[in-house]
Each structure stands twice: as C-alpha cells, then as structure tokens.
Amino acid sequence: MRIKFILLFVLICVGVIFPQRLYKISVEADGKQGTLSYIVHDGLDFVSSKELSKFLSGSNFFNPDAAKLEIKFKDYSCKFTAKSQFIILIKKNDSSQATVQLPVATILINDDVFIPLIYCCEYLNVCSGRNVSYDARGKKMSVNDNADVSKTPVTEI
C-alpha cells in the first residue's frame, strides 16, 4: 500500500513539473486583435508557426515524418524544420532558395514547430510582404501591410 502511495506521489509530481504551459502574446493584425501561443525557452519567446501563419495570411503544411512546417505566401515560402537552426526561404517565381541560420534551434510541440520570433521577424517580413514587429518586453506583436524589405539581406534571392 505504501509503495502505491509513493508511486502516485511521484506520478503527480512528474505530471506537474514537466509540461510547460502555453502562454499568449497579444497580436494586432490589420486592426484586429488576437492571441498567439508561445513558450519561453532559454529566455527567448518561441511562437507557434501554425498560428503565426494565420496572422500573416499564409497557409501552412506540416510534414509529420520529417517534422517540417512550410508557410506559403503569395511570392515566397518559408520552411522550418523542428530542432534545426536553419530556415529555407523559397522565391516562387524563379524557385531560388536562401538558407538562413538562426542563433537557436526551433522546437517541436504537438505537430507544430515553435520558432524564435525575435530572430524570425525580418525573414517573415520578406516572405509575407507585410511588416511584422515584436515587442518582447510587452509581449505584443503587430502585423500590417507597410513592409519595407529593401534593407534585408534575403532580398537578393
């Protein structure tokens, strides 16, 4: 009987300690308010790329075998691979590609790739053609159509 109580106690402790709760970032996109799921890992905010694609007016495709998520926009596609530091940006009209390395790797959670938002805003600006900005202190993201991508390094692709 005592062993059952000990096992139950350990199971409850493990269940409470290990799962991380998804927090919410407030998002303003085209005058509309919404929320975006995120987690904090090593002091950085990682957001759900599936949810993010909806705010950027893109469609997404997740390949569970390769753990890759592709966000498709009008002129570009972004491919994020779980547990990888690399993003592949594909220009649709001539199929040219650029591979960009992030300082940290992405995270796989429940068939979704969580990306470090602070490092991906610049590339999302280029791919979506929209202005994506993020205030890490206020946990606020804004998306609007006034994108200035002329100074970004990936415009050469």
Protein backbone atom coordinates (compact mmCIF):
# COMPACT_ATOMS: atom_id res chain seq x y z
CA MET A 1 0.00 0.00 0.00
CA ARG A 2 2.84 2.33 0.87
CA ILE A 3 4.51 1.70 -2.49
CA LYS A 4 1.29 2.65 -4.30
CA PHE A 5 1.19 5.99 -2.48
CA ILE A 6 4.83 6.67 -3.29
CA LEU A 7 4.28 5.85 -6.96
CA LEU A 8 1.17 8.02 -7.06
CA PHE A 9 3.07 10.89 -5.45
CA VAL A 10 5.94 10.58 -7.96
CA LEU A 11 3.49 10.43 -10.87
CA ILE A 12 1.70 13.57 -9.70
CA CYS A 13 4.99 15.42 -9.21
CA VAL A 14 6.26 14.46 -12.66
CA GLY A 15 2.97 15.47 -14.26
CA VAL A 16 3.10 18.88 -12.63
CA ILE A 17 6.78 19.64 -13.25
CA PHE A 18 7.42 18.61 -16.86
CA PRO A 19 4.65 20.04 -19.02
CA GLN A 20 5.10 23.67 -19.92
CA ARG A 21 2.07 25.84 -20.28
CA LEU A 22 1.49 27.77 -23.48
CA TYR A 23 1.29 31.49 -22.83
CA LYS A 24 -0.34 34.05 -25.14
CA ILE A 25 1.15 37.02 -26.99
CA SER A 26 -1.29 39.75 -27.98
CA VAL A 27 -1.34 40.34 -31.73
CA GLU A 28 -2.72 43.26 -33.68
CA ALA A 29 -3.14 42.44 -37.35
CA ASP A 30 -4.91 44.84 -39.70
CA GLY A 31 -6.75 46.49 -36.81
CA LYS A 32 -7.96 43.17 -35.37
CA GLN A 33 -6.86 41.78 -32.02
CA GLY A 34 -5.87 38.17 -31.40
CA THR A 35 -3.56 35.95 -29.41
CA LEU A 36 -0.64 33.77 -30.40
CA SER A 37 0.61 30.79 -28.36
CA TYR A 38 4.20 30.89 -27.17
CA ILE A 39 6.59 29.31 -24.71
CA VAL A 40 9.73 30.67 -23.10
CA HIS A 41 12.86 28.60 -23.66
CA ASP A 42 16.31 29.83 -22.60
CA GLY A 43 14.91 33.34 -22.16
CA LEU A 44 13.51 33.55 -25.72
CA ASP A 45 9.89 33.56 -26.87
CA PHE A 46 9.08 30.72 -29.27
CA VAL A 47 5.74 31.05 -31.10
CA SER A 48 3.53 28.55 -32.86
CA SER A 49 4.30 28.76 -36.57
CA LYS A 50 0.87 27.30 -37.42
CA GLU A 51 -0.91 30.08 -35.56
CA LEU A 52 1.53 32.68 -36.87
CA SER A 53 0.75 31.76 -40.49
CA LYS A 54 -2.90 32.70 -39.94
CA PHE A 55 -1.96 36.20 -38.77
CA LEU A 56 0.30 36.64 -41.79
CA SER A 57 -2.39 35.49 -44.24
CA GLY A 58 -0.38 32.45 -45.27
CA SER A 59 -1.25 28.80 -45.49
CA ASN A 60 0.78 26.10 -43.79
CA PHE A 61 1.65 22.47 -44.36
CA PHE A 62 3.15 20.19 -41.70
CA ASN A 63 5.01 17.02 -42.64
CA PRO A 64 4.96 14.81 -39.51
CA ASP A 65 7.53 12.34 -40.89
CA ALA A 66 10.20 15.00 -41.46
CA ALA A 67 8.92 17.34 -38.69
CA LYS A 68 8.91 20.23 -41.17
CA LEU A 69 6.42 23.06 -41.40
CA GLU A 70 6.11 25.18 -44.52
CA ILE A 71 4.35 28.54 -44.53
CA LYS A 72 3.26 29.51 -48.03
CA PHE A 73 2.74 33.09 -49.13
CA LYS A 74 2.00 34.69 -52.49
CA ASP A 75 5.64 35.11 -53.62
CA TYR A 76 7.64 33.12 -51.03
CA SER A 77 7.60 30.02 -48.88
CA CYS A 78 9.37 29.53 -45.53
CA LYS A 79 10.36 26.06 -44.36
CA PHE A 80 11.06 25.45 -40.69
CA THR A 81 12.44 22.12 -39.51
CA ALA A 82 11.96 21.08 -35.90
CA LYS A 83 15.12 21.03 -33.77
CA SER A 84 17.07 22.84 -36.51
CA GLN A 85 18.64 26.28 -36.71
CA PHE A 86 18.04 26.66 -40.45
CA ILE A 87 15.19 28.33 -42.35
CA ILE A 88 14.78 27.79 -46.08
CA LEU A 89 13.27 30.73 -47.95
CA ILE A 90 12.00 29.92 -51.44
CA LYS A 91 11.08 32.55 -54.01
CA LYS A 92 8.25 31.08 -56.06
CA ASN A 93 8.65 32.86 -59.40
CA ASP A 94 12.14 31.50 -60.11
CA SER A 95 12.46 28.79 -57.42
CA SER A 96 15.60 30.38 -55.98
CA GLN A 97 16.40 29.49 -52.38
CA ALA A 98 18.21 31.06 -49.47
CA THR A 99 19.16 29.16 -46.35
CA VAL A 100 19.39 31.24 -43.20
CA GLN A 101 20.84 30.12 -39.89
CA LEU A 102 19.18 31.22 -36.67
CA PRO A 103 21.17 31.54 -33.42
CA VAL A 104 18.95 28.90 -31.77
CA ALA A 105 17.08 25.81 -32.94
CA THR A 106 13.31 25.55 -33.34
CA ILE A 107 11.19 23.38 -31.04
CA LEU A 108 8.66 20.65 -31.91
CA ILE A 109 5.49 20.59 -29.78
CA ASN A 110 2.38 18.59 -30.74
CA ASP A 111 2.82 18.63 -34.54
CA ASP A 112 3.78 22.29 -34.55
CA VAL A 113 7.16 23.95 -34.95
CA PHE A 114 7.75 26.75 -32.46
CA ILE A 115 10.12 29.41 -33.80
CA PRO A 116 12.11 32.14 -32.02
CA LEU A 117 10.03 35.15 -33.00
CA ILE A 118 12.63 37.82 -32.29
CA TYR A 119 15.02 36.24 -34.82
CA CYS A 120 12.39 35.42 -37.47
CA CYS A 121 10.58 38.76 -37.86
CA GLU A 122 12.96 40.01 -40.55
CA TYR A 123 12.52 36.89 -42.69
CA LEU A 124 8.76 36.84 -42.17
CA ASN A 125 8.68 40.45 -43.40
CA VAL A 126 10.34 39.41 -46.65
CA CYS A 127 8.27 36.29 -47.22
CA SER A 128 4.86 37.66 -46.28
CA GLY A 129 5.37 41.12 -47.77
CA ARG A 130 3.97 42.54 -44.54
CA ASN A 131 5.57 44.38 -41.65
CA VAL A 132 5.95 42.05 -38.66
CA SER A 133 7.26 43.65 -35.47
CA TYR A 134 7.55 42.23 -31.98
CA ASP A 135 7.94 43.89 -28.60
CA ALA A 136 9.45 41.18 -26.40
CA ARG A 137 9.01 43.15 -23.17
CA GLY A 138 5.34 43.94 -23.74
CA LYS A 139 4.63 40.56 -25.41
CA LYS A 140 2.94 42.37 -28.31
CA MET A 141 3.23 41.62 -31.99
CA SER A 142 1.89 43.81 -34.77
CA VAL A 143 1.31 42.95 -38.41
CA ASN A 144 0.45 45.50 -41.08
CA ASP A 145 0.85 45.95 -44.82
CA ASN A 146 3.55 48.63 -44.70
CA ALA A 147 6.59 46.37 -45.13
CA ASP A 148 9.97 47.88 -46.01
CA VAL A 149 12.07 44.91 -47.05
CA SER A 150 14.62 46.79 -49.12
CA LYS A 151 17.31 46.61 -46.42
CA THR A 152 17.01 42.95 -45.51
CA PRO A 153 19.79 40.54 -46.54
CA VAL A 154 17.49 37.92 -48.04
CA THR A 155 16.06 40.19 -50.73
CA GLU A 156 18.90 39.05 -53.01
CA ILE A 157 17.33 35.61 -53.52
